[in-house]
Every structure is written in C-alpha cells, then in structure tokens.
Amino acid sequence: MLKHFLLASVLLSFNFYLNAQELSYDITVAGKNVGSMLVTQKKLAEGKTYYSAVSEVEYSLFRTTNLVFLYEAIYQDGTLQNAYFIHKKNGEKEEEAKLERIGMQSAYLGNKDGEKEKIDGLLNTSMLQLYFSKPKQRDAVFSERFLDYVKIAKLPDENRYMFEIPNGDKSIYDYNEQGICTKITIDSSFLKFEITLKTEGEK
C-alpha cells in the first residue's frame, strides 16, 4: 500500500537515481501496531536528492479511522527546490501543502490548503532530512507540512530532541550514534503514537 501510494505522488518524476537509503518504521499506540512508515532518501543525477516519507495508520476509537500522510522534497546542491505534503483521512483529503522555489531567487511560493504565500530566504534543512541526521541547529527547522518553522529543544540526553509542532502536538525524536532517527514519540490531542525504526538498508 505505502509503495503504491508513493508511486502516484506529485514530485516523483525521476526514474534514475544513483543510490537510495530506506528506513522502515512500525507505528504503535499503547503497544498495539496500528500502521507503518517508509522513509526514503535517493541521490539523483545532477546534484539532486529526493526525500519522501509515507505512512498509513488505522485505529478504532468510536469508529475505524484510516490516515495516510505523504511528504516529499527535492534538494539541488543542498538547497530545497520543491516540497509536497498531503494528508488523507478515510480516503478524503484533509490537508495539502506545496512549496516551489521561484526561479533562481532566494524565495519560494508556498500553497497551504489553497492559500498562497511568498517565503523569503533559501532553505537548506527541512523535517524530512531529520530521519537521516540529527538537527544541526537547535532553534527551528522548516516543515514541509505546515510551510512554517518547527521549534526544536535539545533534551538532556545527547541523542534526544523535542519538536513543538505548529498544530500544538509535541514530538520527541531519538537518534542512534550514526545520526539515524530510531524512534519518534508523538503526543497529539487524543492519542500517543510511537514510531519505531524496524530496518534500514541501502540499495
């Protein structure tokens, strides 16, 4: 399901890449598996790097709810060029965000749920990259979902960081010594999700 959804996404128009790394995660609530996530980093030709994260969650409270989240981003020589996000709930679109660099300018055109805005300044880091490396700056990082900055706080443990999401959720990211994200704990308004690294590999 996840790979099928990924192939139908907006930015994945490149079919030649030099190498790729995939991270596979289990998603649990109170110890019960409710979904999975696949994160990909692909080195493309001409100095481009493609990132994606696609997750599917299904849980039952008063009724069964299915959630799908897709993130994509393309970097050129370390600078963000395009980003895309979509969130579907029970097959219906809940959120959508697009970001595109304006030519060679130090600016982007953002479109969040149909509302456009100009974002000044070049972006060199965004949330998708943080599965593969720890935050280098401890103040904020750009979110492909919210088209805004997420606040970062360094926790006492050397390999733990807390992210304050614009929608009010708080997430804690755990990393291993290689800088790979091994666990994400998300405290939402109604459930606590744990996203745990299952496998990682290169192809």
N, C-alpha and C. Protein backbone atom coordinates (compact mmCIF):
# COMPACT_ATOMS: atom_id res chain seq x y z
N MET A 1 0.83 -1.21 0.00
CA MET A 1 0.00 0.00 0.00
C MET A 1 0.86 1.26 0.00
N LEU A 2 1.90 1.30 0.89
CA LEU A 2 2.70 2.51 1.00
C LEU A 2 3.47 2.79 -0.27
N LYS A 3 4.13 1.77 -0.84
CA LYS A 3 4.90 2.00 -2.05
C LYS A 3 4.00 2.33 -3.22
N HIS A 4 2.79 1.72 -3.26
CA HIS A 4 1.85 2.02 -4.33
C HIS A 4 1.43 3.48 -4.26
N PHE A 5 1.16 3.97 -3.04
CA PHE A 5 0.76 5.36 -2.86
C PHE A 5 1.89 6.29 -3.25
N LEU A 6 3.11 5.91 -2.92
CA LEU A 6 4.28 6.74 -3.22
C LEU A 6 4.46 6.91 -4.72
N LEU A 7 4.24 5.86 -5.49
CA LEU A 7 4.44 5.94 -6.93
C LEU A 7 3.45 6.90 -7.59
N ALA A 8 2.33 7.14 -6.93
CA ALA A 8 1.32 8.02 -7.51
C ALA A 8 1.47 9.46 -7.08
N SER A 9 2.54 9.79 -6.37
CA SER A 9 2.69 11.12 -5.80
C SER A 9 3.13 12.13 -6.84
N VAL A 10 3.16 13.40 -6.38
CA VAL A 10 3.33 14.51 -7.31
C VAL A 10 4.76 14.69 -7.78
N LEU A 11 5.72 14.65 -6.84
CA LEU A 11 7.08 15.04 -7.19
C LEU A 11 7.91 13.90 -7.76
N LEU A 12 7.47 12.67 -7.65
CA LEU A 12 8.30 11.55 -8.05
C LEU A 12 8.27 11.37 -9.56
N SER A 13 9.00 12.25 -10.25
CA SER A 13 9.07 12.20 -11.70
C SER A 13 10.43 11.73 -12.19
N PHE A 14 11.34 11.43 -11.25
CA PHE A 14 12.68 10.96 -11.61
C PHE A 14 12.71 9.44 -11.55
N ASN A 15 13.22 8.77 -12.57
CA ASN A 15 13.31 7.32 -12.54
C ASN A 15 14.76 6.84 -12.59
N PHE A 16 15.69 7.77 -12.49
CA PHE A 16 17.10 7.38 -12.43
C PHE A 16 17.71 7.96 -11.17
N TYR A 17 18.27 7.08 -10.32
CA TYR A 17 18.95 7.57 -9.14
C TYR A 17 20.23 6.78 -8.92
N LEU A 18 21.17 7.42 -8.24
CA LEU A 18 22.49 6.85 -8.08
C LEU A 18 22.51 5.83 -6.93
N ASN A 19 21.89 6.14 -5.81
CA ASN A 19 21.76 5.21 -4.70
C ASN A 19 20.62 5.67 -3.82
N ALA A 20 20.13 4.77 -2.99
CA ALA A 20 18.99 5.10 -2.14
C ALA A 20 19.15 4.46 -0.78
N GLN A 21 18.57 5.09 0.22
CA GLN A 21 18.52 4.54 1.56
C GLN A 21 17.07 4.58 2.02
N GLU A 22 16.61 3.46 2.58
CA GLU A 22 15.24 3.37 3.07
C GLU A 22 15.24 3.06 4.56
N LEU A 23 14.34 3.69 5.29
CA LEU A 23 14.12 3.42 6.70
C LEU A 23 12.68 2.99 6.88
N SER A 24 12.47 1.86 7.54
CA SER A 24 11.14 1.33 7.73
C SER A 24 10.78 1.37 9.21
N TYR A 25 9.59 1.88 9.53
CA TYR A 25 9.17 2.07 10.91
C TYR A 25 7.82 1.39 11.18
N ASP A 26 7.66 0.91 12.41
CA ASP A 26 6.36 0.47 12.91
C ASP A 26 5.73 1.61 13.69
N ILE A 27 4.41 1.74 13.60
CA ILE A 27 3.68 2.76 14.34
C ILE A 27 2.76 2.06 15.33
N THR A 28 2.87 2.41 16.61
CA THR A 28 2.07 1.77 17.64
C THR A 28 1.36 2.79 18.52
N VAL A 29 0.25 2.35 19.11
CA VAL A 29 -0.48 3.11 20.12
C VAL A 29 -0.70 2.17 21.30
N ALA A 30 -0.20 2.54 22.46
CA ALA A 30 -0.31 1.71 23.67
C ALA A 30 0.19 0.28 23.42
N GLY A 31 1.27 0.18 22.66
CA GLY A 31 1.88 -1.10 22.39
C GLY A 31 1.24 -1.90 21.27
N LYS A 32 0.15 -1.41 20.69
CA LYS A 32 -0.53 -2.11 19.61
C LYS A 32 -0.14 -1.52 18.26
N ASN A 33 0.24 -2.39 17.32
CA ASN A 33 0.64 -1.91 15.99
C ASN A 33 -0.58 -1.37 15.24
N VAL A 34 -0.47 -0.13 14.78
CA VAL A 34 -1.59 0.50 14.06
C VAL A 34 -1.18 0.97 12.67
N GLY A 35 0.09 0.77 12.29
CA GLY A 35 0.49 1.23 10.96
C GLY A 35 1.99 1.12 10.74
N SER A 36 2.43 1.72 9.65
CA SER A 36 3.85 1.68 9.29
C SER A 36 4.21 2.93 8.51
N MET A 37 5.52 3.17 8.43
CA MET A 37 6.03 4.32 7.68
C MET A 37 7.28 3.91 6.94
N LEU A 38 7.43 4.40 5.71
CA LEU A 38 8.62 4.17 4.90
C LEU A 38 9.22 5.52 4.53
N VAL A 39 10.49 5.71 4.87
CA VAL A 39 11.20 6.96 4.58
C VAL A 39 12.32 6.65 3.60
N THR A 40 12.46 7.49 2.58
CA THR A 40 13.43 7.24 1.52
C THR A 40 14.28 8.47 1.25
N GLN A 41 15.55 8.22 1.01
CA GLN A 41 16.48 9.26 0.53
C GLN A 41 17.16 8.72 -0.72
N LYS A 42 17.03 9.43 -1.84
CA LYS A 42 17.62 8.98 -3.10
C LYS A 42 18.53 10.06 -3.66
N LYS A 43 19.73 9.66 -4.01
CA LYS A 43 20.66 10.55 -4.69
C LYS A 43 20.37 10.46 -6.19
N LEU A 44 19.93 11.56 -6.77
CA LEU A 44 19.60 11.60 -8.18
C LEU A 44 20.76 12.17 -8.97
N ALA A 45 20.62 12.21 -10.26
CA ALA A 45 21.63 12.82 -11.13
C ALA A 45 21.61 14.34 -10.97
N GLU A 46 22.68 14.97 -11.41
CA GLU A 46 22.78 16.44 -11.46
C GLU A 46 22.68 17.10 -10.09
N GLY A 47 23.21 16.43 -9.07
CA GLY A 47 23.27 17.04 -7.75
C GLY A 47 21.96 17.10 -6.99
N LYS A 48 20.96 16.37 -7.46
CA LYS A 48 19.65 16.38 -6.79
C LYS A 48 19.54 15.25 -5.78
N THR A 49 18.79 15.51 -4.71
CA THR A 49 18.47 14.50 -3.71
C THR A 49 16.97 14.53 -3.46
N TYR A 50 16.36 13.36 -3.47
CA TYR A 50 14.92 13.22 -3.28
C TYR A 50 14.65 12.56 -1.94
N TYR A 51 13.72 13.14 -1.16
CA TYR A 51 13.31 12.59 0.12
C TYR A 51 11.81 12.33 0.10
N SER A 52 11.40 11.28 0.79
CA SER A 52 9.97 11.04 0.93
C SER A 52 9.72 10.30 2.24
N ALA A 53 8.52 10.49 2.77
CA ALA A 53 8.04 9.72 3.93
C ALA A 53 6.57 9.48 3.71
N VAL A 54 6.17 8.22 3.72
CA VAL A 54 4.76 7.89 3.53
C VAL A 54 4.35 6.94 4.64
N SER A 55 3.26 7.27 5.31
CA SER A 55 2.80 6.46 6.43
C SER A 55 1.31 6.22 6.33
N GLU A 56 0.90 5.08 6.85
CA GLU A 56 -0.52 4.72 6.90
C GLU A 56 -0.83 4.21 8.31
N VAL A 57 -1.89 4.75 8.89
CA VAL A 57 -2.30 4.40 10.25
C VAL A 57 -3.78 4.06 10.24
N GLU A 58 -4.15 3.01 10.95
CA GLU A 58 -5.56 2.67 11.10
C GLU A 58 -5.82 2.30 12.56
N TYR A 59 -6.78 2.98 13.17
CA TYR A 59 -7.09 2.72 14.57
C TYR A 59 -8.60 2.87 14.77
N SER A 60 -9.08 2.40 15.92
CA SER A 60 -10.51 2.46 16.23
C SER A 60 -10.71 3.08 17.60
N LEU A 61 -11.49 4.15 17.66
CA LEU A 61 -11.98 4.71 18.92
C LEU A 61 -13.49 4.50 18.93
N PHE A 62 -14.21 5.48 18.40
CA PHE A 62 -15.65 5.30 18.25
C PHE A 62 -15.96 4.61 16.92
N ARG A 63 -15.04 4.75 15.97
CA ARG A 63 -15.16 4.07 14.68
C ARG A 63 -13.76 3.93 14.10
N THR A 64 -13.64 3.10 13.07
CA THR A 64 -12.34 2.89 12.45
C THR A 64 -11.94 4.11 11.63
N THR A 65 -10.70 4.56 11.84
CA THR A 65 -10.16 5.72 11.13
C THR A 65 -8.88 5.32 10.41
N ASN A 66 -8.79 5.67 9.13
CA ASN A 66 -7.61 5.40 8.34
C ASN A 66 -6.95 6.73 7.97
N LEU A 67 -5.67 6.85 8.26
CA LEU A 67 -4.92 8.07 7.96
C LEU A 67 -3.74 7.74 7.06
N VAL A 68 -3.52 8.55 6.05
CA VAL A 68 -2.36 8.43 5.18
C VAL A 68 -1.67 9.78 5.10
N PHE A 69 -0.35 9.79 5.29
CA PHE A 69 0.45 11.01 5.21
C PHE A 69 1.56 10.79 4.20
N LEU A 70 1.73 11.74 3.30
CA LEU A 70 2.82 11.68 2.32
C LEU A 70 3.59 12.99 2.34
N TYR A 71 4.91 12.90 2.50
CA TYR A 71 5.81 14.04 2.43
C TYR A 71 6.80 13.78 1.31
N GLU A 72 7.14 14.82 0.55
CA GLU A 72 8.19 14.72 -0.48
C GLU A 72 8.97 16.02 -0.53
N ALA A 73 10.24 15.91 -0.88
CA ALA A 73 11.08 17.10 -1.07
C ALA A 73 12.21 16.79 -2.02
N ILE A 74 12.58 17.77 -2.81
CA ILE A 74 13.74 17.64 -3.70
C ILE A 74 14.71 18.77 -3.41
N TYR A 75 15.97 18.39 -3.18
CA TYR A 75 17.05 19.34 -2.96
C TYR A 75 17.98 19.36 -4.16
N GLN A 76 18.51 20.53 -4.46
CA GLN A 76 19.51 20.69 -5.51
C GLN A 76 20.75 21.30 -4.87
N ASP A 77 21.85 20.53 -4.86
CA ASP A 77 23.10 21.01 -4.26
C ASP A 77 22.89 21.56 -2.86
N GLY A 78 22.06 20.87 -2.07
CA GLY A 78 21.86 21.24 -0.68
C GLY A 78 20.82 22.29 -0.42
N THR A 79 20.12 22.76 -1.46
CA THR A 79 19.08 23.78 -1.30
C THR A 79 17.72 23.21 -1.70
N LEU A 80 16.72 23.40 -0.85
CA LEU A 80 15.38 22.90 -1.15
C LEU A 80 14.82 23.57 -2.40
N GLN A 81 14.32 22.75 -3.33
CA GLN A 81 13.72 23.26 -4.56
C GLN A 81 12.19 23.12 -4.56
N ASN A 82 11.71 21.94 -4.17
CA ASN A 82 10.27 21.66 -4.17
C ASN A 82 9.93 20.82 -2.96
N ALA A 83 8.70 20.96 -2.49
CA ALA A 83 8.20 20.10 -1.42
C ALA A 83 6.70 19.91 -1.62
N TYR A 84 6.24 18.76 -1.14
CA TYR A 84 4.81 18.45 -1.27
C TYR A 84 4.38 17.64 -0.05
N PHE A 85 3.16 17.91 0.43
CA PHE A 85 2.58 17.17 1.54
C PHE A 85 1.09 16.97 1.30
N ILE A 86 0.59 15.79 1.64
CA ILE A 86 -0.85 15.55 1.62
C ILE A 86 -1.21 14.62 2.76
N HIS A 87 -2.35 14.89 3.38
CA HIS A 87 -2.88 14.07 4.47
C HIS A 87 -4.31 13.70 4.09
N LYS A 88 -4.57 12.39 4.08
CA LYS A 88 -5.91 11.90 3.78
C LYS A 88 -6.48 11.16 4.99
N LYS A 89 -7.75 11.39 5.25
CA LYS A 89 -8.46 10.71 6.34
C LYS A 89 -9.63 9.95 5.74
N ASN A 90 -9.62 8.64 5.89
CA ASN A 90 -10.65 7.78 5.30
C ASN A 90 -10.84 8.06 3.82
N GLY A 91 -9.72 8.29 3.13
CA GLY A 91 -9.73 8.49 1.68
C GLY A 91 -10.02 9.90 1.23
N GLU A 92 -10.35 10.79 2.15
CA GLU A 92 -10.66 12.18 1.81
C GLU A 92 -9.51 13.10 2.19
N LYS A 93 -9.21 14.04 1.33
CA LYS A 93 -8.10 14.97 1.59
C LYS A 93 -8.43 15.88 2.77
N GLU A 94 -7.52 15.90 3.74
CA GLU A 94 -7.65 16.76 4.91
C GLU A 94 -6.75 17.98 4.83
N GLU A 95 -5.52 17.77 4.36
CA GLU A 95 -4.53 18.85 4.25
C GLU A 95 -3.73 18.65 2.99
N GLU A 96 -3.23 19.76 2.43
CA GLU A 96 -2.32 19.69 1.30
C GLU A 96 -1.44 20.93 1.32
N ALA A 97 -0.16 20.73 1.05
CA ALA A 97 0.76 21.86 1.01
C ALA A 97 1.78 21.64 -0.10
N LYS A 98 2.11 22.74 -0.80
CA LYS A 98 3.10 22.68 -1.88
C LYS A 98 4.07 23.84 -1.70
N LEU A 99 5.32 23.59 -2.07
CA LEU A 99 6.34 24.63 -1.99
C LEU A 99 7.22 24.52 -3.22
N GLU A 100 7.50 25.67 -3.86
CA GLU A 100 8.32 25.67 -5.07
C GLU A 100 9.22 26.89 -5.06
N ARG A 101 10.50 26.66 -5.30
CA ARG A 101 11.42 27.79 -5.37
C ARG A 101 11.10 28.63 -6.60
N ILE A 102 11.17 29.92 -6.44
CA ILE A 102 10.86 30.84 -7.53
C ILE A 102 12.12 31.08 -8.35
N GLY A 103 12.27 30.34 -9.43
CA GLY A 103 13.43 30.51 -10.31
C GLY A 103 14.74 30.43 -9.54
N MET A 104 15.62 31.39 -9.75
CA MET A 104 16.90 31.45 -9.05
C MET A 104 16.85 32.40 -7.87
N GLN A 105 15.66 32.85 -7.52
CA GLN A 105 15.53 33.79 -6.42
C GLN A 105 15.75 33.11 -5.07
N SER A 106 16.01 33.93 -4.06
CA SER A 106 16.09 33.43 -2.68
C SER A 106 14.70 33.52 -2.06
N ALA A 107 13.75 32.84 -2.69
CA ALA A 107 12.36 32.90 -2.24
C ALA A 107 11.61 31.69 -2.78
N TYR A 108 10.47 31.41 -2.14
CA TYR A 108 9.62 30.28 -2.51
C TYR A 108 8.17 30.73 -2.60
N LEU A 109 7.40 30.00 -3.38
CA LEU A 109 5.96 30.18 -3.41
C LEU A 109 5.33 29.01 -2.68
N GLY A 110 4.66 29.30 -1.60
CA GLY A 110 4.00 28.26 -0.82
C GLY A 110 2.50 28.28 -1.05
N ASN A 111 1.90 27.10 -1.00
CA ASN A 111 0.46 26.97 -1.17
C ASN A 111 -0.05 25.98 -0.13
N LYS A 112 -0.66 26.48 0.93
CA LYS A 112 -1.15 25.65 2.02
C LYS A 112 -2.67 25.66 2.01
N ASP A 113 -3.25 24.49 1.66
CA ASP A 113 -4.70 24.36 1.61
C ASP A 113 -5.35 25.45 0.75
N GLY A 114 -4.70 25.76 -0.38
CA GLY A 114 -5.25 26.72 -1.33
C GLY A 114 -4.88 28.16 -1.08
N GLU A 115 -4.21 28.45 0.01
CA GLU A 115 -3.80 29.82 0.32
C GLU A 115 -2.32 29.99 -0.02
N LYS A 116 -2.01 30.95 -0.89
CA LYS A 116 -0.64 31.14 -1.36
C LYS A 116 0.09 32.21 -0.53
N GLU A 117 1.39 32.01 -0.39
CA GLU A 117 2.22 32.99 0.28
C GLU A 117 3.64 32.89 -0.23
N LYS A 118 4.36 34.00 -0.14
CA LYS A 118 5.76 34.02 -0.53
C LYS A 118 6.62 33.85 0.71
N ILE A 119 7.61 32.97 0.62
CA ILE A 119 8.51 32.71 1.73
C ILE A 119 9.92 33.14 1.31
N ASP A 120 10.47 34.12 1.98
CA ASP A 120 11.78 34.66 1.63
C ASP A 120 12.90 33.88 2.28
N GLY A 121 14.04 33.82 1.58
CA GLY A 121 15.22 33.15 2.12
C GLY A 121 15.32 31.71 1.64
N LEU A 122 16.53 31.27 1.33
CA LEU A 122 16.74 29.89 0.88
C LEU A 122 16.69 28.93 2.05
N LEU A 123 16.17 27.73 1.80
CA LEU A 123 16.02 26.69 2.82
C LEU A 123 17.04 25.59 2.57
N ASN A 124 17.83 25.27 3.58
CA ASN A 124 18.85 24.24 3.45
C ASN A 124 18.56 23.00 4.30
N THR A 125 17.54 23.08 5.14
CA THR A 125 17.16 21.96 6.01
C THR A 125 15.65 21.94 6.18
N SER A 126 15.09 20.73 6.19
CA SER A 126 13.66 20.59 6.47
C SER A 126 13.43 19.28 7.23
N MET A 127 12.21 19.07 7.69
CA MET A 127 11.90 17.95 8.57
C MET A 127 12.25 16.60 7.96
N LEU A 128 12.04 16.43 6.67
CA LEU A 128 12.29 15.13 6.05
C LEU A 128 13.74 14.67 6.22
N GLN A 129 14.67 15.58 6.23
CA GLN A 129 16.08 15.20 6.36
C GLN A 129 16.42 14.67 7.74
N LEU A 130 15.56 14.97 8.72
CA LEU A 130 15.90 14.64 10.11
C LEU A 130 15.69 13.18 10.46
N TYR A 131 15.24 12.38 9.50
CA TYR A 131 15.25 10.93 9.72
C TYR A 131 16.67 10.38 9.52
N PHE A 132 17.46 11.07 8.73
CA PHE A 132 18.79 10.59 8.37
C PHE A 132 19.92 11.31 9.08
N SER A 133 19.61 12.39 9.78
CA SER A 133 20.66 13.11 10.52
C SER A 133 20.03 13.93 11.63
N LYS A 134 20.77 14.09 12.72
CA LYS A 134 20.29 14.87 13.86
C LYS A 134 20.24 16.36 13.50
N PRO A 135 19.37 17.12 14.17
CA PRO A 135 19.34 18.57 13.92
C PRO A 135 20.70 19.20 14.18
N LYS A 136 21.08 20.10 13.29
CA LYS A 136 22.34 20.81 13.46
C LYS A 136 22.12 22.13 14.18
N GLN A 137 20.94 22.67 14.02
CA GLN A 137 20.58 23.89 14.73
C GLN A 137 19.50 23.53 15.74
N ARG A 138 19.57 24.14 16.89
CA ARG A 138 18.67 23.75 17.97
C ARG A 138 17.52 24.73 18.17
N ASP A 139 17.30 25.61 17.20
CA ASP A 139 16.22 26.58 17.39
C ASP A 139 14.97 26.20 16.59
N ALA A 140 15.11 25.93 15.29
CA ALA A 140 13.94 25.65 14.46
C ALA A 140 14.36 24.97 13.17
N VAL A 141 13.41 24.25 12.56
CA VAL A 141 13.63 23.62 11.26
C VAL A 141 12.35 23.75 10.46
N PHE A 142 12.47 23.86 9.13
CA PHE A 142 11.32 24.11 8.28
C PHE A 142 10.49 22.84 8.10
N SER A 143 9.17 23.00 8.16
CA SER A 143 8.23 21.89 8.00
C SER A 143 7.59 21.92 6.62
N GLU A 144 7.72 20.80 5.87
CA GLU A 144 7.06 20.70 4.56
C GLU A 144 5.55 20.66 4.69
N ARG A 145 5.07 20.23 5.83
CA ARG A 145 3.62 20.14 6.06
C ARG A 145 2.99 21.49 6.34
N PHE A 146 3.59 22.24 7.26
CA PHE A 146 2.98 23.49 7.71
C PHE A 146 3.52 24.71 6.97
N LEU A 147 4.57 24.52 6.15
CA LEU A 147 5.24 25.65 5.49
C LEU A 147 5.61 26.71 6.50
N ASP A 148 6.11 26.24 7.62
CA ASP A 148 6.48 27.11 8.72
C ASP A 148 7.60 26.41 9.51
N TYR A 149 8.15 27.11 10.46
CA TYR A 149 9.25 26.56 11.23
C TYR A 149 8.75 25.83 12.47
N VAL A 150 9.38 24.71 12.77
CA VAL A 150 9.10 23.92 13.96
C VAL A 150 10.19 24.19 14.99
N LYS A 151 9.81 24.53 16.21
CA LYS A 151 10.78 24.82 17.26
C LYS A 151 11.42 23.52 17.76
N ILE A 152 12.74 23.58 18.00
CA ILE A 152 13.49 22.43 18.48
C ILE A 152 14.09 22.74 19.84
N ALA A 153 13.97 21.78 20.76
CA ALA A 153 14.62 21.90 22.06
C ALA A 153 15.50 20.68 22.28
N LYS A 154 16.76 20.90 22.66
CA LYS A 154 17.67 19.79 22.96
C LYS A 154 17.38 19.28 24.35
N LEU A 155 17.12 17.98 24.48
CA LEU A 155 16.85 17.38 25.78
C LEU A 155 18.16 16.94 26.44
N PRO A 156 18.13 16.66 27.74
CA PRO A 156 19.38 16.31 28.44
C PRO A 156 20.13 15.14 27.82
N ASP A 157 19.40 14.13 27.35
CA ASP A 157 20.06 13.02 26.66
C ASP A 157 20.68 13.53 25.37
N GLU A 158 21.91 13.14 25.11
CA GLU A 158 22.64 13.66 23.96
C GLU A 158 21.93 13.42 22.63
N ASN A 159 21.18 12.34 22.54
CA ASN A 159 20.56 11.96 21.27
C ASN A 159 19.05 12.14 21.24
N ARG A 160 18.52 13.07 22.03
CA ARG A 160 17.07 13.32 22.07
C ARG A 160 16.77 14.79 21.84
N TYR A 161 15.73 15.02 21.05
CA TYR A 161 15.29 16.38 20.74
C TYR A 161 13.77 16.44 20.81
N MET A 162 13.25 17.57 21.26
CA MET A 162 11.80 17.78 21.28
C MET A 162 11.41 18.81 20.23
N PHE A 163 10.37 18.49 19.47
CA PHE A 163 9.87 19.38 18.43
C PHE A 163 8.47 19.87 18.81
N GLU A 164 8.27 21.18 18.75
CA GLU A 164 6.96 21.76 19.03
C GLU A 164 6.29 22.08 17.70
N ILE A 165 5.29 21.25 17.34
CA ILE A 165 4.65 21.33 16.04
C ILE A 165 3.63 22.48 16.04
N PRO A 166 3.49 23.20 14.90
CA PRO A 166 2.55 24.33 14.85
C PRO A 166 1.09 23.98 15.19
N ASN A 167 0.68 22.70 15.04
CA ASN A 167 -0.70 22.35 15.36
C ASN A 167 -0.90 22.05 16.85
N GLY A 168 0.16 22.22 17.65
CA GLY A 168 0.05 22.01 19.09
C GLY A 168 0.63 20.70 19.58
N ASP A 169 0.87 19.74 18.68
CA ASP A 169 1.46 18.47 19.07
C ASP A 169 2.93 18.67 19.44
N LYS A 170 3.42 17.76 20.29
CA LYS A 170 4.84 17.75 20.62
C LYS A 170 5.42 16.38 20.30
N SER A 171 6.59 16.35 19.68
CA SER A 171 7.22 15.11 19.28
C SER A 171 8.62 15.04 19.86
N ILE A 172 9.02 13.85 20.28
CA ILE A 172 10.38 13.61 20.75
C ILE A 172 11.07 12.66 19.78
N TYR A 173 12.22 13.08 19.27
CA TYR A 173 12.99 12.28 18.32
C TYR A 173 14.21 11.69 19.04
N ASP A 174 14.40 10.37 18.92
CA ASP A 174 15.58 9.69 19.44
C ASP A 174 16.47 9.27 18.28
N TYR A 175 17.79 9.39 18.48
CA TYR A 175 18.76 9.06 17.43
C TYR A 175 19.78 8.05 17.94
N ASN A 176 20.34 7.27 16.99
CA ASN A 176 21.45 6.40 17.35
C ASN A 176 22.77 7.14 17.11
N GLU A 177 23.88 6.45 17.33
CA GLU A 177 25.19 7.10 17.21
C GLU A 177 25.53 7.48 15.77
N GLN A 178 24.87 6.84 14.80
CA GLN A 178 25.10 7.15 13.39
C GLN A 178 24.25 8.33 12.92
N GLY A 179 23.40 8.87 13.81
CA GLY A 179 22.57 10.00 13.45
C GLY A 179 21.25 9.64 12.81
N ILE A 180 20.90 8.34 12.80
CA ILE A 180 19.63 7.89 12.24
C ILE A 180 18.54 7.99 13.31
N CYS A 181 17.38 8.48 12.92
CA CYS A 181 16.26 8.56 13.86
C CYS A 181 15.72 7.15 14.12
N THR A 182 15.73 6.74 15.38
CA THR A 182 15.30 5.39 15.74
C THR A 182 13.91 5.35 16.35
N LYS A 183 13.44 6.48 16.85
CA LYS A 183 12.11 6.48 17.48
C LYS A 183 11.56 7.90 17.52
N ILE A 184 10.27 8.01 17.25
CA ILE A 184 9.55 9.28 17.37
C ILE A 184 8.34 9.05 18.26
N THR A 185 8.21 9.85 19.30
CA THR A 185 7.04 9.78 20.18
C THR A 185 6.21 11.03 19.96
N ILE A 186 4.96 10.86 19.53
CA ILE A 186 4.09 11.98 19.20
C ILE A 186 2.95 12.04 20.20
N ASP A 187 2.87 13.16 20.93
CA ASP A 187 1.74 13.40 21.83
C ASP A 187 0.76 14.31 21.11
N SER A 188 -0.32 13.71 20.60
CA SER A 188 -1.36 14.51 19.95
C SER A 188 -2.45 14.82 20.97
N SER A 189 -3.48 15.50 20.52
CA SER A 189 -4.54 15.91 21.44
C SER A 189 -5.38 14.74 21.92
N PHE A 190 -5.30 13.58 21.23
CA PHE A 190 -6.17 12.46 21.61
C PHE A 190 -5.45 11.12 21.71
N LEU A 191 -4.29 10.96 21.12
CA LEU A 191 -3.56 9.69 21.17
C LEU A 191 -2.06 9.95 21.26
N LYS A 192 -1.35 8.94 21.79
CA LYS A 192 0.10 8.99 21.83
C LYS A 192 0.64 7.92 20.89
N PHE A 193 1.31 8.36 19.83
CA PHE A 193 1.86 7.44 18.84
C PHE A 193 3.35 7.25 19.09
N GLU A 194 3.83 6.02 18.85
CA GLU A 194 5.25 5.74 18.86
C GLU A 194 5.64 5.18 17.50
N ILE A 195 6.65 5.78 16.88
CA ILE A 195 7.13 5.36 15.57
C ILE A 195 8.54 4.83 15.78
N THR A 196 8.74 3.52 15.58
CA THR A 196 9.98 2.86 15.93
C THR A 196 10.66 2.26 14.71
N LEU A 197 11.95 2.53 14.56
CA LEU A 197 12.71 2.02 13.43
C LEU A 197 12.73 0.49 13.44
N LYS A 198 12.41 -0.09 12.31
CA LYS A 198 12.38 -1.54 12.17
C LYS A 198 13.61 -2.05 11.43
N THR A 199 13.86 -1.49 10.25
CA THR A 199 15.01 -1.89 9.46
C THR A 199 15.58 -0.67 8.77
N GLU A 200 16.81 -0.78 8.32
CA GLU A 200 17.39 0.24 7.47
C GLU A 200 18.37 -0.45 6.54
N GLY A 201 18.52 0.12 5.34
CA GLY A 201 19.42 -0.51 4.40
C GLY A 201 19.64 0.36 3.18
N GLU A 202 20.59 -0.02 2.38
CA GLU A 202 20.88 0.70 1.15
C GLU A 202 20.71 -0.23 -0.02
N LYS A 203 20.38 0.34 -1.18
CA LYS A 203 20.26 -0.47 -2.38
C LYS A 203 20.78 0.30 -3.57
